[in-house]
Amino acid sequence: MLAVPGCVERTGLPVRFVVPDGFRGRIEIIEAKDAEEVGLDRGEYLYRIPEGGILRVRKAVGFGHWHKTYAFFSSGRELSVGFTTDPEGVPGEIAFYELTGSRFFVGTRKEMRQYVTNPPAENEAAALWSGRGLTNVAARPAVTITTKGP
């Protein structure tokens, strides 16, 4: 029998996401000192995502090592989990996509690809600078430019 030191498989605890029924869009985990700790449920880190898709936690745990990710709607229906580079499974299927670090997306592969290639923040900035203005905010910023003559 040959023993090789340092060749031990290291894995982290599984990570489970629960998203509101019908949720579609971006999910972001934000660390904040005044937020609550991530829950541990039956040996899994549990992230319960609120309606807006942004969850504040004291420390995002479970992502530092290889881990298994599970995702469910709050009704219990399981979502397929994939990466942006994975081929589409069932056409039009709503899935949970791992984007980068603490950013995720729930939707069809087409919706995810649209989000990744043309994120909303970039769309809003382009609209603002093109003169079209922002369409999803109540008040637009006012900018006054004054120039002095020669």
N, C-alpha and C. Protein backbone atom coordinates (compact mmCIF):
# COMPACT_ATOMS: atom_id res chain seq x y z
N MET A 1 0.85 -1.17 0.00
CA MET A 1 0.00 0.00 0.00
C MET A 1 0.89 1.23 0.00
N LEU A 2 0.58 2.19 -0.87
CA LEU A 2 1.36 3.40 -0.99
C LEU A 2 0.55 4.55 -0.44
N ALA A 3 1.11 5.30 0.49
CA ALA A 3 0.44 6.48 1.06
C ALA A 3 1.16 7.72 0.54
N VAL A 4 0.39 8.64 -0.02
CA VAL A 4 0.97 9.87 -0.54
C VAL A 4 0.48 11.03 0.32
N PRO A 5 1.39 11.63 1.11
CA PRO A 5 0.97 12.74 1.95
C PRO A 5 0.49 13.92 1.11
N GLY A 6 -0.53 14.60 1.59
CA GLY A 6 -1.03 15.79 0.91
C GLY A 6 -2.01 15.52 -0.19
N CYS A 7 -2.29 14.29 -0.49
CA CYS A 7 -3.24 13.98 -1.57
C CYS A 7 -4.59 13.59 -1.00
N VAL A 8 -5.02 14.29 -0.03
CA VAL A 8 -6.31 14.03 0.59
C VAL A 8 -7.34 14.94 -0.07
N GLU A 9 -8.45 14.39 -0.50
CA GLU A 9 -9.49 15.21 -1.09
C GLU A 9 -10.13 16.05 -0.01
N ARG A 10 -10.12 17.36 -0.20
CA ARG A 10 -10.72 18.27 0.77
C ARG A 10 -11.98 18.87 0.17
N THR A 11 -13.07 18.67 0.83
CA THR A 11 -14.32 19.22 0.35
C THR A 11 -14.98 19.99 1.48
N GLY A 12 -15.79 20.95 1.09
CA GLY A 12 -16.54 21.72 2.06
C GLY A 12 -17.94 21.15 2.22
N LEU A 13 -18.66 21.73 3.15
CA LEU A 13 -20.05 21.33 3.36
C LEU A 13 -20.89 21.74 2.15
N PRO A 14 -21.94 21.01 1.85
CA PRO A 14 -22.83 21.41 0.75
C PRO A 14 -23.45 22.78 1.05
N VAL A 15 -23.82 23.50 -0.02
CA VAL A 15 -24.46 24.80 0.08
C VAL A 15 -25.84 24.69 -0.55
N ARG A 16 -26.86 25.08 0.21
CA ARG A 16 -28.25 25.01 -0.30
C ARG A 16 -28.83 26.42 -0.37
N PHE A 17 -29.40 26.75 -1.52
CA PHE A 17 -30.07 28.03 -1.72
C PHE A 17 -31.57 27.78 -1.80
N VAL A 18 -32.33 28.63 -1.14
CA VAL A 18 -33.79 28.59 -1.24
C VAL A 18 -34.22 29.96 -1.74
N VAL A 19 -34.85 29.97 -2.91
CA VAL A 19 -35.28 31.23 -3.52
C VAL A 19 -36.80 31.29 -3.51
N PRO A 20 -37.37 32.50 -3.48
CA PRO A 20 -38.83 32.61 -3.48
C PRO A 20 -39.45 31.97 -4.73
N ASP A 21 -40.61 31.38 -4.57
CA ASP A 21 -41.31 30.78 -5.71
C ASP A 21 -41.47 31.82 -6.82
N GLY A 22 -41.16 31.42 -8.04
CA GLY A 22 -41.30 32.30 -9.19
C GLY A 22 -40.17 33.30 -9.37
N PHE A 23 -39.19 33.28 -8.50
CA PHE A 23 -38.08 34.24 -8.60
C PHE A 23 -37.32 34.03 -9.90
N ARG A 24 -36.96 35.13 -10.56
CA ARG A 24 -36.10 35.11 -11.74
C ARG A 24 -35.18 36.31 -11.63
N GLY A 25 -33.91 36.11 -11.91
CA GLY A 25 -32.98 37.23 -11.93
C GLY A 25 -31.73 36.97 -11.13
N ARG A 26 -31.01 38.06 -10.88
CA ARG A 26 -29.71 38.02 -10.21
C ARG A 26 -29.86 37.80 -8.72
N ILE A 27 -28.91 37.04 -8.18
CA ILE A 27 -28.79 36.85 -6.73
C ILE A 27 -27.39 37.29 -6.36
N GLU A 28 -27.30 38.04 -5.28
CA GLU A 28 -25.99 38.48 -4.81
C GLU A 28 -25.92 38.31 -3.30
N ILE A 29 -24.82 37.75 -2.84
CA ILE A 29 -24.56 37.60 -1.41
C ILE A 29 -23.57 38.70 -1.03
N ILE A 30 -23.97 39.56 -0.10
CA ILE A 30 -23.14 40.68 0.33
C ILE A 30 -22.78 40.50 1.79
N GLU A 31 -21.50 40.63 2.09
CA GLU A 31 -21.04 40.55 3.48
C GLU A 31 -21.21 41.90 4.16
N ALA A 32 -21.78 41.86 5.37
CA ALA A 32 -21.97 43.07 6.17
C ALA A 32 -21.81 42.70 7.65
N LYS A 33 -21.03 43.50 8.37
CA LYS A 33 -20.75 43.20 9.78
C LYS A 33 -22.00 43.15 10.64
N ASP A 34 -23.04 43.90 10.28
CA ASP A 34 -24.26 43.93 11.09
C ASP A 34 -25.31 42.90 10.66
N ALA A 35 -24.96 42.03 9.72
CA ALA A 35 -25.90 41.02 9.22
C ALA A 35 -25.81 39.75 10.06
N GLU A 36 -26.75 38.84 9.82
CA GLU A 36 -26.77 37.58 10.54
C GLU A 36 -25.80 36.57 9.93
N GLU A 37 -25.44 35.58 10.74
CA GLU A 37 -24.59 34.48 10.28
C GLU A 37 -25.38 33.60 9.31
N VAL A 38 -24.67 32.92 8.44
CA VAL A 38 -25.30 31.96 7.54
C VAL A 38 -25.73 30.76 8.36
N GLY A 39 -26.94 30.28 8.12
CA GLY A 39 -27.46 29.15 8.87
C GLY A 39 -26.84 27.83 8.44
N LEU A 40 -26.83 26.91 9.37
CA LEU A 40 -26.36 25.55 9.10
C LEU A 40 -27.55 24.63 9.38
N ASP A 41 -27.97 23.88 8.36
CA ASP A 41 -29.15 23.03 8.48
C ASP A 41 -28.82 21.64 7.95
N ARG A 42 -28.89 20.65 8.80
CA ARG A 42 -28.62 19.25 8.43
C ARG A 42 -27.29 19.11 7.70
N GLY A 43 -26.25 19.80 8.20
CA GLY A 43 -24.93 19.67 7.62
C GLY A 43 -24.72 20.42 6.32
N GLU A 44 -25.60 21.37 6.02
CA GLU A 44 -25.48 22.19 4.81
C GLU A 44 -25.56 23.66 5.19
N TYR A 45 -24.77 24.50 4.50
CA TYR A 45 -24.93 25.94 4.66
C TYR A 45 -26.22 26.31 3.95
N LEU A 46 -27.06 27.09 4.62
CA LEU A 46 -28.37 27.44 4.06
C LEU A 46 -28.46 28.93 3.80
N TYR A 47 -28.70 29.28 2.53
CA TYR A 47 -28.88 30.67 2.12
C TYR A 47 -30.33 30.85 1.67
N ARG A 48 -31.11 31.58 2.46
CA ARG A 48 -32.51 31.88 2.10
C ARG A 48 -32.52 33.25 1.43
N ILE A 49 -32.78 33.26 0.16
CA ILE A 49 -32.71 34.48 -0.64
C ILE A 49 -34.03 35.24 -0.54
N PRO A 50 -33.99 36.55 -0.22
CA PRO A 50 -35.22 37.34 -0.15
C PRO A 50 -35.74 37.71 -1.55
N GLU A 51 -36.92 38.28 -1.59
CA GLU A 51 -37.59 38.64 -2.86
C GLU A 51 -36.70 39.45 -3.79
N GLY A 52 -35.94 40.40 -3.29
CA GLY A 52 -35.13 41.26 -4.14
C GLY A 52 -33.87 40.62 -4.68
N GLY A 53 -33.51 39.44 -4.18
CA GLY A 53 -32.35 38.72 -4.69
C GLY A 53 -31.03 39.08 -4.03
N ILE A 54 -31.03 40.04 -3.11
CA ILE A 54 -29.78 40.43 -2.44
C ILE A 54 -29.87 40.01 -0.98
N LEU A 55 -28.92 39.18 -0.57
CA LEU A 55 -28.89 38.67 0.80
C LEU A 55 -27.64 39.19 1.49
N ARG A 56 -27.83 39.82 2.63
CA ARG A 56 -26.72 40.29 3.44
C ARG A 56 -26.43 39.26 4.52
N VAL A 57 -25.16 38.87 4.63
CA VAL A 57 -24.73 37.91 5.65
C VAL A 57 -23.47 38.45 6.30
N ARG A 58 -23.22 38.00 7.52
CA ARG A 58 -22.00 38.45 8.20
C ARG A 58 -20.76 37.98 7.45
N LYS A 59 -20.74 36.71 7.07
CA LYS A 59 -19.62 36.16 6.30
C LYS A 59 -20.17 35.10 5.37
N ALA A 60 -19.85 35.23 4.09
CA ALA A 60 -20.27 34.24 3.10
C ALA A 60 -19.40 33.00 3.28
N VAL A 61 -20.00 31.93 3.73
CA VAL A 61 -19.25 30.70 4.01
C VAL A 61 -19.68 29.59 3.07
N GLY A 62 -18.78 28.63 2.90
CA GLY A 62 -19.10 27.47 2.08
C GLY A 62 -18.55 27.52 0.68
N PHE A 63 -17.99 28.66 0.27
CA PHE A 63 -17.52 28.81 -1.09
C PHE A 63 -16.01 28.66 -1.22
N GLY A 64 -15.29 28.53 -0.11
CA GLY A 64 -13.83 28.48 -0.13
C GLY A 64 -13.24 27.17 -0.59
N HIS A 65 -14.00 26.09 -0.47
CA HIS A 65 -13.54 24.76 -0.88
C HIS A 65 -14.51 24.24 -1.94
N TRP A 66 -14.08 23.17 -2.61
CA TRP A 66 -15.02 22.52 -3.52
C TRP A 66 -16.23 22.12 -2.69
N HIS A 67 -17.42 22.31 -3.23
CA HIS A 67 -18.64 21.96 -2.51
C HIS A 67 -19.74 21.62 -3.52
N LYS A 68 -20.74 20.96 -3.06
CA LYS A 68 -21.92 20.66 -3.87
C LYS A 68 -22.94 21.76 -3.60
N THR A 69 -23.54 22.28 -4.66
CA THR A 69 -24.56 23.32 -4.54
C THR A 69 -25.92 22.74 -4.91
N TYR A 70 -26.91 23.05 -4.09
CA TYR A 70 -28.30 22.67 -4.35
C TYR A 70 -29.12 23.95 -4.35
N ALA A 71 -30.17 24.00 -5.15
CA ALA A 71 -31.05 25.16 -5.16
C ALA A 71 -32.50 24.70 -5.28
N PHE A 72 -33.35 25.39 -4.55
CA PHE A 72 -34.78 25.03 -4.50
C PHE A 72 -35.61 26.30 -4.49
N PHE A 73 -36.81 26.21 -5.06
CA PHE A 73 -37.81 27.24 -4.82
C PHE A 73 -38.35 27.00 -3.41
N SER A 74 -38.92 28.02 -2.79
CA SER A 74 -39.41 27.86 -1.41
C SER A 74 -40.50 26.81 -1.30
N SER A 75 -41.17 26.47 -2.41
CA SER A 75 -42.20 25.41 -2.39
C SER A 75 -41.58 24.02 -2.31
N GLY A 76 -40.24 23.95 -2.50
CA GLY A 76 -39.56 22.66 -2.43
C GLY A 76 -39.12 22.13 -3.78
N ARG A 77 -39.56 22.76 -4.88
CA ARG A 77 -39.18 22.30 -6.22
C ARG A 77 -37.69 22.57 -6.44
N GLU A 78 -36.95 21.51 -6.79
CA GLU A 78 -35.51 21.64 -6.99
C GLU A 78 -35.21 22.27 -8.34
N LEU A 79 -34.16 23.10 -8.35
CA LEU A 79 -33.67 23.72 -9.58
C LEU A 79 -32.39 23.04 -10.01
N SER A 80 -32.21 22.85 -11.29
CA SER A 80 -30.93 22.37 -11.80
C SER A 80 -29.90 23.44 -11.50
N VAL A 81 -28.67 23.02 -11.20
CA VAL A 81 -27.59 23.95 -10.90
C VAL A 81 -26.54 23.82 -12.00
N GLY A 82 -26.11 24.95 -12.53
CA GLY A 82 -25.11 24.92 -13.59
C GLY A 82 -24.21 26.14 -13.56
N PHE A 83 -23.28 26.16 -14.50
CA PHE A 83 -22.37 27.28 -14.67
C PHE A 83 -22.67 27.95 -16.00
N THR A 84 -22.13 29.13 -16.21
CA THR A 84 -22.40 29.87 -17.44
C THR A 84 -21.89 29.13 -18.68
N THR A 85 -20.90 28.28 -18.50
CA THR A 85 -20.32 27.55 -19.64
C THR A 85 -21.00 26.23 -19.93
N ASP A 86 -21.89 25.80 -19.06
CA ASP A 86 -22.58 24.52 -19.27
C ASP A 86 -23.54 24.61 -20.45
N PRO A 87 -23.67 23.53 -21.21
CA PRO A 87 -24.66 23.54 -22.30
C PRO A 87 -26.07 23.51 -21.71
N GLU A 88 -27.02 23.98 -22.49
CA GLU A 88 -28.40 24.00 -22.03
C GLU A 88 -28.91 22.57 -21.85
N GLY A 89 -29.57 22.31 -20.74
CA GLY A 89 -30.16 21.00 -20.50
C GLY A 89 -31.47 20.92 -21.26
N VAL A 90 -32.56 21.05 -20.56
CA VAL A 90 -33.89 21.06 -21.17
C VAL A 90 -34.14 22.48 -21.70
N PRO A 91 -34.46 22.65 -22.98
CA PRO A 91 -34.68 23.99 -23.53
C PRO A 91 -35.76 24.75 -22.73
N GLY A 92 -35.43 25.99 -22.35
CA GLY A 92 -36.38 26.82 -21.62
C GLY A 92 -36.49 26.52 -20.13
N GLU A 93 -35.69 25.57 -19.63
CA GLU A 93 -35.76 25.20 -18.23
C GLU A 93 -35.23 26.34 -17.35
N ILE A 94 -35.91 26.60 -16.25
CA ILE A 94 -35.44 27.58 -15.27
C ILE A 94 -34.44 26.86 -14.39
N ALA A 95 -33.24 27.43 -14.29
CA ALA A 95 -32.17 26.80 -13.52
C ALA A 95 -31.47 27.84 -12.64
N PHE A 96 -30.60 27.36 -11.78
CA PHE A 96 -29.79 28.18 -10.88
C PHE A 96 -28.37 28.16 -11.43
N TYR A 97 -27.84 29.33 -11.79
CA TYR A 97 -26.51 29.41 -12.37
C TYR A 97 -25.54 30.08 -11.41
N GLU A 98 -24.37 29.47 -11.26
CA GLU A 98 -23.30 30.06 -10.46
C GLU A 98 -22.49 30.95 -11.39
N LEU A 99 -22.46 32.25 -11.11
CA LEU A 99 -21.74 33.19 -11.96
C LEU A 99 -20.30 33.35 -11.49
N THR A 100 -20.09 34.18 -10.49
CA THR A 100 -18.75 34.37 -9.93
C THR A 100 -18.86 34.57 -8.43
N GLY A 101 -17.96 33.99 -7.69
CA GLY A 101 -17.91 34.21 -6.24
C GLY A 101 -19.25 34.14 -5.55
N SER A 102 -19.82 35.29 -5.26
CA SER A 102 -21.09 35.34 -4.52
C SER A 102 -22.22 35.90 -5.39
N ARG A 103 -22.14 35.69 -6.69
CA ARG A 103 -23.18 36.13 -7.61
C ARG A 103 -23.75 34.92 -8.35
N PHE A 104 -25.08 34.91 -8.46
CA PHE A 104 -25.80 33.79 -9.04
C PHE A 104 -26.94 34.33 -9.89
N PHE A 105 -27.58 33.45 -10.64
CA PHE A 105 -28.70 33.86 -11.48
C PHE A 105 -29.71 32.73 -11.56
N VAL A 106 -31.00 33.08 -11.50
CA VAL A 106 -32.07 32.10 -11.67
C VAL A 106 -32.86 32.50 -12.91
N GLY A 107 -32.97 31.58 -13.84
CA GLY A 107 -33.73 31.83 -15.06
C GLY A 107 -33.38 30.79 -16.11
N THR A 108 -33.81 31.05 -17.32
CA THR A 108 -33.46 30.14 -18.42
C THR A 108 -32.02 30.42 -18.84
N ARG A 109 -31.45 29.52 -19.59
CA ARG A 109 -30.08 29.74 -20.08
C ARG A 109 -30.02 31.02 -20.92
N LYS A 110 -31.03 31.24 -21.76
CA LYS A 110 -31.08 32.44 -22.60
C LYS A 110 -31.10 33.70 -21.73
N GLU A 111 -31.92 33.72 -20.67
CA GLU A 111 -31.97 34.88 -19.77
C GLU A 111 -30.63 35.09 -19.07
N MET A 112 -30.02 34.00 -18.64
CA MET A 112 -28.72 34.10 -17.96
C MET A 112 -27.68 34.66 -18.91
N ARG A 113 -27.62 34.15 -20.14
CA ARG A 113 -26.64 34.63 -21.12
C ARG A 113 -26.87 36.11 -21.43
N GLN A 114 -28.13 36.52 -21.52
CA GLN A 114 -28.46 37.93 -21.76
C GLN A 114 -27.95 38.78 -20.59
N TYR A 115 -28.18 38.32 -19.38
CA TYR A 115 -27.72 39.06 -18.19
C TYR A 115 -26.19 39.16 -18.17
N VAL A 116 -25.51 38.06 -18.43
CA VAL A 116 -24.05 38.02 -18.36
C VAL A 116 -23.43 38.91 -19.44
N THR A 117 -23.99 38.89 -20.64
CA THR A 117 -23.39 39.66 -21.73
C THR A 117 -23.83 41.13 -21.74
N ASN A 118 -24.92 41.46 -21.04
CA ASN A 118 -25.43 42.82 -21.05
C ASN A 118 -26.09 43.13 -19.72
N PRO A 119 -25.29 43.24 -18.64
CA PRO A 119 -25.87 43.44 -17.30
C PRO A 119 -26.68 44.72 -17.19
N PRO A 120 -27.74 44.72 -16.37
CA PRO A 120 -28.61 45.88 -16.22
C PRO A 120 -27.88 47.16 -15.85
N ALA A 121 -26.90 47.10 -14.96
CA ALA A 121 -26.20 48.32 -14.55
C ALA A 121 -25.53 48.98 -15.75
N GLU A 122 -24.96 48.17 -16.63
CA GLU A 122 -24.34 48.73 -17.83
C GLU A 122 -25.40 49.30 -18.76
N ASN A 123 -26.57 48.66 -18.85
CA ASN A 123 -27.65 49.17 -19.67
C ASN A 123 -28.12 50.52 -19.16
N GLU A 124 -28.28 50.65 -17.83
CA GLU A 124 -28.74 51.89 -17.23
C GLU A 124 -27.72 53.01 -17.44
N ALA A 125 -26.44 52.70 -17.28
CA ALA A 125 -25.41 53.71 -17.49
C ALA A 125 -25.40 54.17 -18.95
N ALA A 126 -25.51 53.23 -19.87
CA ALA A 126 -25.53 53.58 -21.29
C ALA A 126 -26.74 54.45 -21.61
N ALA A 127 -27.90 54.11 -21.02
CA ALA A 127 -29.11 54.91 -21.26
C ALA A 127 -28.94 56.32 -20.71
N LEU A 128 -28.37 56.43 -19.53
CA LEU A 128 -28.18 57.74 -18.92
C LEU A 128 -27.26 58.61 -19.78
N TRP A 129 -26.13 58.05 -20.20
CA TRP A 129 -25.17 58.84 -20.96
C TRP A 129 -25.61 59.09 -22.40
N SER A 130 -26.53 58.30 -22.90
CA SER A 130 -27.00 58.53 -24.27
C SER A 130 -28.05 59.62 -24.32
N GLY A 131 -28.55 60.04 -23.14
CA GLY A 131 -29.59 61.07 -23.10
C GLY A 131 -30.98 60.51 -22.98
N ARG A 132 -31.14 59.17 -23.05
CA ARG A 132 -32.47 58.56 -22.91
C ARG A 132 -32.93 58.58 -21.47
N GLY A 133 -32.02 58.67 -20.51
CA GLY A 133 -32.38 58.67 -19.11
C GLY A 133 -32.65 57.28 -18.59
N LEU A 134 -32.84 57.20 -17.28
CA LEU A 134 -33.13 55.93 -16.62
C LEU A 134 -34.62 55.70 -16.62
N THR A 135 -35.03 54.49 -16.95
CA THR A 135 -36.46 54.21 -17.03
C THR A 135 -37.02 53.52 -15.80
N ASN A 136 -36.15 53.01 -14.93
CA ASN A 136 -36.67 52.25 -13.79
C ASN A 136 -36.45 52.94 -12.45
N VAL A 137 -36.25 54.22 -12.46
CA VAL A 137 -36.14 54.95 -11.20
C VAL A 137 -37.11 56.12 -11.22
N ALA A 138 -37.62 56.49 -10.06
CA ALA A 138 -38.62 57.54 -9.97
C ALA A 138 -38.03 58.91 -10.28
N ALA A 139 -36.88 59.20 -9.76
CA ALA A 139 -36.28 60.52 -9.97
C ALA A 139 -34.98 60.38 -10.74
N ARG A 140 -34.84 61.17 -11.75
CA ARG A 140 -33.60 61.15 -12.52
C ARG A 140 -32.68 62.24 -12.00
N PRO A 141 -31.38 61.99 -12.04
CA PRO A 141 -30.46 63.03 -11.58
C PRO A 141 -30.48 64.21 -12.54
N ALA A 142 -30.43 65.41 -11.99
CA ALA A 142 -30.38 66.60 -12.82
C ALA A 142 -28.93 67.03 -12.97
N VAL A 143 -28.55 67.30 -14.19
CA VAL A 143 -27.20 67.74 -14.47
C VAL A 143 -27.29 69.06 -15.22
N THR A 144 -26.61 70.06 -14.71
CA THR A 144 -26.59 71.35 -15.37
C THR A 144 -25.15 71.65 -15.74
N ILE A 145 -24.95 71.97 -16.98
CA ILE A 145 -23.61 72.31 -17.45
C ILE A 145 -23.63 73.79 -17.84
N THR A 146 -22.76 74.53 -17.24
CA THR A 146 -22.65 75.94 -17.60
C THR A 146 -21.28 76.20 -18.17
N THR A 147 -21.25 77.01 -19.16
CA THR A 147 -19.98 77.39 -19.74
C THR A 147 -19.89 78.90 -19.79
N LYS A 148 -18.72 79.41 -19.66
CA LYS A 148 -18.51 80.85 -19.76
C LYS A 148 -18.02 81.14 -21.16
N GLY A 149 -18.53 82.21 -21.66
CA GLY A 149 -18.13 82.61 -22.99
C GLY A 149 -16.67 83.08 -23.03
N PRO A 150 -16.15 83.26 -24.23
CA PRO A 150 -14.74 83.67 -24.37
C PRO A 150 -14.46 85.04 -23.80
